[in-house]
């Protein structure tokens, strides 16, 4: 589990969101390397500021996504209905390895708020997670100022062919 960020200054919700998102980004560094998937970290935080669950890509299985892993750990936790999920990457809206996308899993868990750093680039799929979550009534917040850290962790996927 990543270090719990200092969120004692609850008067500044933007700072709290950024601190939790930075913790999710740090968690993504634990992902086993992959040339076919992004390294992502996710943390589900209760309305009271407690960590409900964490997850990172490929934590238990080579095809697991970060949000999916965290949600599986938090299954049936009543606090989900008032929680926020922090993810270093936009939750997926298309996938071939599992029957449900992270967007569908978040909606099924009734998590009302999603905060992420980087919109998924169209390397593998054309992701519409943020749009689908908003359309379903979720509050979605993108914090692009921390996206460079996520891009750096996934730099091996972003290289142009032949650019070594």
Protein backbone atom coordinates (compact mmCIF):
# COMPACT_ATOMS: atom_id res chain seq x y z
CA UNK A 1 0.00 0.00 0.00
CA UNK A 2 1.33 3.47 -0.80
CA UNK A 3 1.99 6.00 1.88
CA UNK A 4 -1.22 7.75 2.86
CA UNK A 5 -0.91 11.35 1.77
CA UNK A 6 -1.19 14.17 4.25
CA UNK A 7 -4.74 15.38 3.72
CA UNK A 8 -5.13 17.16 7.04
CA UNK A 9 -5.93 20.43 5.24
CA UNK A 10 -9.42 19.46 4.14
CA UNK A 11 -10.17 23.12 3.51
CA UNK A 12 -8.41 22.69 0.16
CA UNK A 13 -10.19 19.87 -1.73
CA UNK A 14 -8.00 20.40 -4.81
CA UNK A 15 -4.87 19.72 -2.75
CA UNK A 16 -6.50 16.63 -1.25
CA UNK A 17 -7.43 15.30 -4.70
CA UNK A 18 -3.95 15.94 -6.00
CA UNK A 19 -2.33 14.21 -3.00
CA UNK A 20 -4.46 11.07 -3.44
CA UNK A 21 -3.85 11.07 -7.18
CA UNK A 22 -0.10 11.34 -6.64
CA UNK A 23 -0.36 8.35 -4.28
CA UNK A 24 -2.16 6.39 -7.03
CA UNK A 25 0.57 7.34 -9.49
CA UNK A 26 3.20 6.14 -7.02
CA UNK A 27 1.31 2.85 -6.66
CA UNK A 28 1.49 2.35 -10.44
CA UNK A 29 5.27 1.98 -10.14
CA UNK A 30 4.63 -1.49 -8.67
CA UNK A 31 3.12 -2.77 -11.93
CA UNK A 32 4.96 -5.63 -13.60
CA UNK A 33 6.29 -4.33 -16.95
CA UNK A 34 4.19 -4.85 -20.07
CA UNK A 35 4.53 -3.91 -23.72
CA UNK A 36 0.79 -4.34 -24.28
CA UNK A 37 -0.80 -2.46 -21.38
CA UNK A 38 -0.42 0.71 -19.34
CA UNK A 39 0.89 0.75 -15.79
CA UNK A 40 -1.87 2.23 -13.65
CA UNK A 41 -2.50 2.71 -9.94
CA UNK A 42 -5.90 3.18 -8.29
CA UNK A 43 -7.01 4.06 -4.78
CA UNK A 44 -10.58 4.11 -3.51
CA UNK A 45 -11.04 6.64 -0.70
CA UNK A 46 -14.09 6.98 1.53
CA UNK A 47 -15.85 10.28 2.10
CA UNK A 48 -14.18 10.33 5.54
CA UNK A 49 -10.74 10.14 3.89
CA UNK A 50 -9.97 6.49 4.65
CA UNK A 51 -8.46 4.12 2.11
CA UNK A 52 -11.02 1.49 1.21
CA UNK A 53 -8.84 -0.39 -1.29
CA UNK A 54 -5.91 -0.05 -3.65
CA UNK A 55 -4.93 -1.78 -6.86
CA UNK A 56 -2.41 -1.64 -9.65
CA UNK A 57 -2.30 -3.12 -13.12
CA UNK A 58 -1.36 -6.79 -13.26
CA UNK A 59 -1.31 -7.02 -9.46
CA UNK A 60 -2.86 -10.49 -9.36
CA UNK A 61 -3.20 -11.48 -13.00
CA UNK A 62 -1.49 -10.28 -16.20
CA UNK A 63 -4.85 -8.99 -17.50
CA UNK A 64 -6.09 -7.18 -14.38
CA UNK A 65 -6.55 -3.42 -14.45
CA UNK A 66 -5.87 -1.22 -11.43
CA UNK A 67 -9.45 -0.07 -10.88
CA UNK A 68 -10.74 -3.60 -11.33
CA UNK A 69 -8.32 -4.90 -8.69
CA UNK A 70 -9.21 -2.19 -6.17
CA UNK A 71 -12.94 -2.70 -6.75
CA UNK A 72 -12.62 -6.47 -6.25
CA UNK A 73 -10.97 -5.85 -2.87
CA UNK A 74 -13.73 -3.42 -1.87
CA UNK A 75 -16.66 -5.51 -3.06
CA UNK A 76 -19.83 -4.82 -1.07
CA UNK A 77 -18.22 -2.12 1.08
CA UNK A 78 -21.11 0.26 1.89
CA UNK A 79 -18.75 3.25 1.76
CA UNK A 80 -18.36 2.87 -2.02
CA UNK A 81 -21.60 4.79 -2.59
CA UNK A 82 -19.97 7.97 -1.23
CA UNK A 83 -16.35 7.34 -2.19
CA UNK A 84 -13.89 8.62 -4.78
CA UNK A 85 -11.71 6.44 -6.96
CA UNK A 86 -8.35 7.94 -7.88
CA UNK A 87 -6.70 6.47 -10.97
CA UNK A 88 -3.51 7.50 -12.68
CA UNK A 89 -5.15 6.80 -16.08
CA UNK A 90 -8.67 7.36 -17.37
CA UNK A 91 -10.77 4.26 -16.59
CA UNK A 92 -11.05 1.99 -19.61
CA UNK A 93 -14.20 1.81 -21.70
CA UNK A 94 -13.15 -1.03 -24.02
CA UNK A 95 -11.21 -4.21 -23.42
CA UNK A 96 -10.89 -7.71 -24.78
CA UNK A 97 -9.34 -9.60 -21.86
CA UNK A 98 -12.28 -9.37 -19.40
CA UNK A 99 -16.03 -9.07 -19.92
CA UNK A 100 -16.51 -5.75 -18.09
CA UNK A 101 -14.61 -2.51 -18.47
CA UNK A 102 -13.37 -0.45 -15.54
CA UNK A 103 -15.97 2.18 -16.42
CA UNK A 104 -18.72 -0.45 -16.14
CA UNK A 105 -17.30 -1.74 -12.86
CA UNK A 106 -17.16 1.77 -11.36
CA UNK A 107 -20.76 2.41 -12.38
CA UNK A 108 -21.89 -0.96 -11.00
CA UNK A 109 -20.18 -0.15 -7.67
CA UNK A 110 -22.03 3.20 -7.66
CA UNK A 111 -18.90 5.19 -6.98
CA UNK A 112 -20.04 8.77 -7.53
CA UNK A 113 -16.68 10.45 -8.10
CA UNK A 114 -13.69 9.64 -10.29
CA UNK A 115 -10.39 11.57 -10.35
CA UNK A 116 -7.68 10.76 -12.87
CA UNK A 117 -4.47 12.27 -14.22
CA UNK A 118 -4.12 11.28 -17.87
CA UNK A 119 -6.60 10.53 -20.61
CA UNK A 120 -5.80 7.19 -22.16
CA UNK A 121 -4.01 7.75 -25.47
CA UNK A 122 -5.38 5.77 -28.41
CA UNK A 123 -2.44 3.36 -28.54
CA UNK A 124 -4.56 0.27 -27.83
CA UNK A 125 -8.18 1.51 -27.95
CA UNK A 126 -10.16 4.71 -28.32
CA UNK A 127 -11.12 5.27 -24.67
CA UNK A 128 -14.32 7.08 -23.71
CA UNK A 129 -14.28 6.35 -19.98
CA UNK A 130 -14.56 9.96 -18.80
CA UNK A 131 -17.44 10.70 -21.16
CA UNK A 132 -19.36 7.55 -20.24
CA UNK A 133 -18.92 8.15 -16.52
CA UNK A 134 -20.13 11.76 -16.84
CA UNK A 135 -23.10 10.68 -18.95
CA UNK A 136 -24.07 8.25 -16.19
CA UNK A 137 -24.00 11.04 -13.59
CA UNK A 138 -20.56 10.59 -12.04
CA UNK A 139 -18.50 13.60 -11.11
CA UNK A 140 -15.29 13.23 -13.14
CA UNK A 141 -12.23 15.34 -12.48
CA UNK A 142 -9.12 15.28 -14.63
CA UNK A 143 -5.92 16.71 -13.12
CA UNK A 144 -3.60 17.00 -16.12
CA UNK A 145 -0.85 18.79 -14.16
CA UNK A 146 0.28 15.39 -12.81
CA UNK A 147 -0.08 13.55 -16.13
CA UNK A 148 3.65 13.94 -17.01
CA UNK A 149 4.49 11.52 -14.17
CA UNK A 150 2.06 8.94 -15.61
CA UNK A 151 3.48 9.41 -19.11
CA UNK A 152 7.00 8.91 -17.73
CA UNK A 153 6.02 5.62 -16.06
CA UNK A 154 4.54 4.49 -19.39
CA UNK A 155 7.22 6.00 -21.64
CA UNK A 156 8.14 2.60 -23.11
CA UNK A 157 4.67 2.46 -24.72
CA UNK A 158 4.91 5.96 -26.17
CA UNK A 159 8.12 5.64 -28.12
CA UNK A 160 7.98 6.00 -31.89
CA UNK A 161 8.99 2.85 -33.80
CA UNK A 162 12.73 2.77 -34.29
CA UNK A 163 13.34 5.58 -31.76
CA UNK A 164 15.77 3.88 -29.40
